[in-house]
Amino acid sequence: MTLTLLVVAALAALNPFRVARVAPLEPQRRRHAAMLGGATSLVVVAAAAALSGPVVDALSISGSSTRIAAGVALVLTSLRDLIAPDPAPEPALSGALAGFVPVAVPTLLSPAVVLLALSAGHERGLVVAVAGLALGLGIATGAVAMGSRSTLRGAGRVYAVAGGAVG
């Protein structure tokens, strides 16, 4: 998996338009939620990439099996994004943890993103996996911080179709 393919797959799994639709409405809370959600997700993704070797070995699966699992999870995530309604931005956690739910979990840290981190970490190593996923997370986090939920209506569903094609 090349770095370019990793970034494209990460963006397809993250679906920045869907993530932006679940963030709080107030601009300051929205930026805070984007920063906290992005940072939390990056830590989890880096941990998954770092532990990919031992996890894949413990499960006795091959690198190609992890790629297939990540692709299947990406297709299923795209179908969910296409069919299911957006998660409601409320009730979210309040105060300093407002970016954790629903921005980091369940939108940024989907099973597809974690499987992609495991697959890329096992195949390409920690640095490439974290670099590619960090770029995808940065773009998704930027969409949350700068986007308006009303202007993103429907764009997430169109993006989900493209994500399914990438998977």
Foldseek 3Di string as FASTA:
>chain_A
DDLVLLLVLLLLQQLLLLLLLLFDQDLVSLLLLLVVLLVVLLVLLLVLLVCLVVVCVVVVHDLVVLVVVLLVQLLVSLVCLQPPDRDHNPPADDDNRSNVPPNNPPRNDPPSSSSSSSSCSVPPNSVSSSVSNSVSSVVSSVCRNPPHNVVSVPVSNVSSVVSNVSD
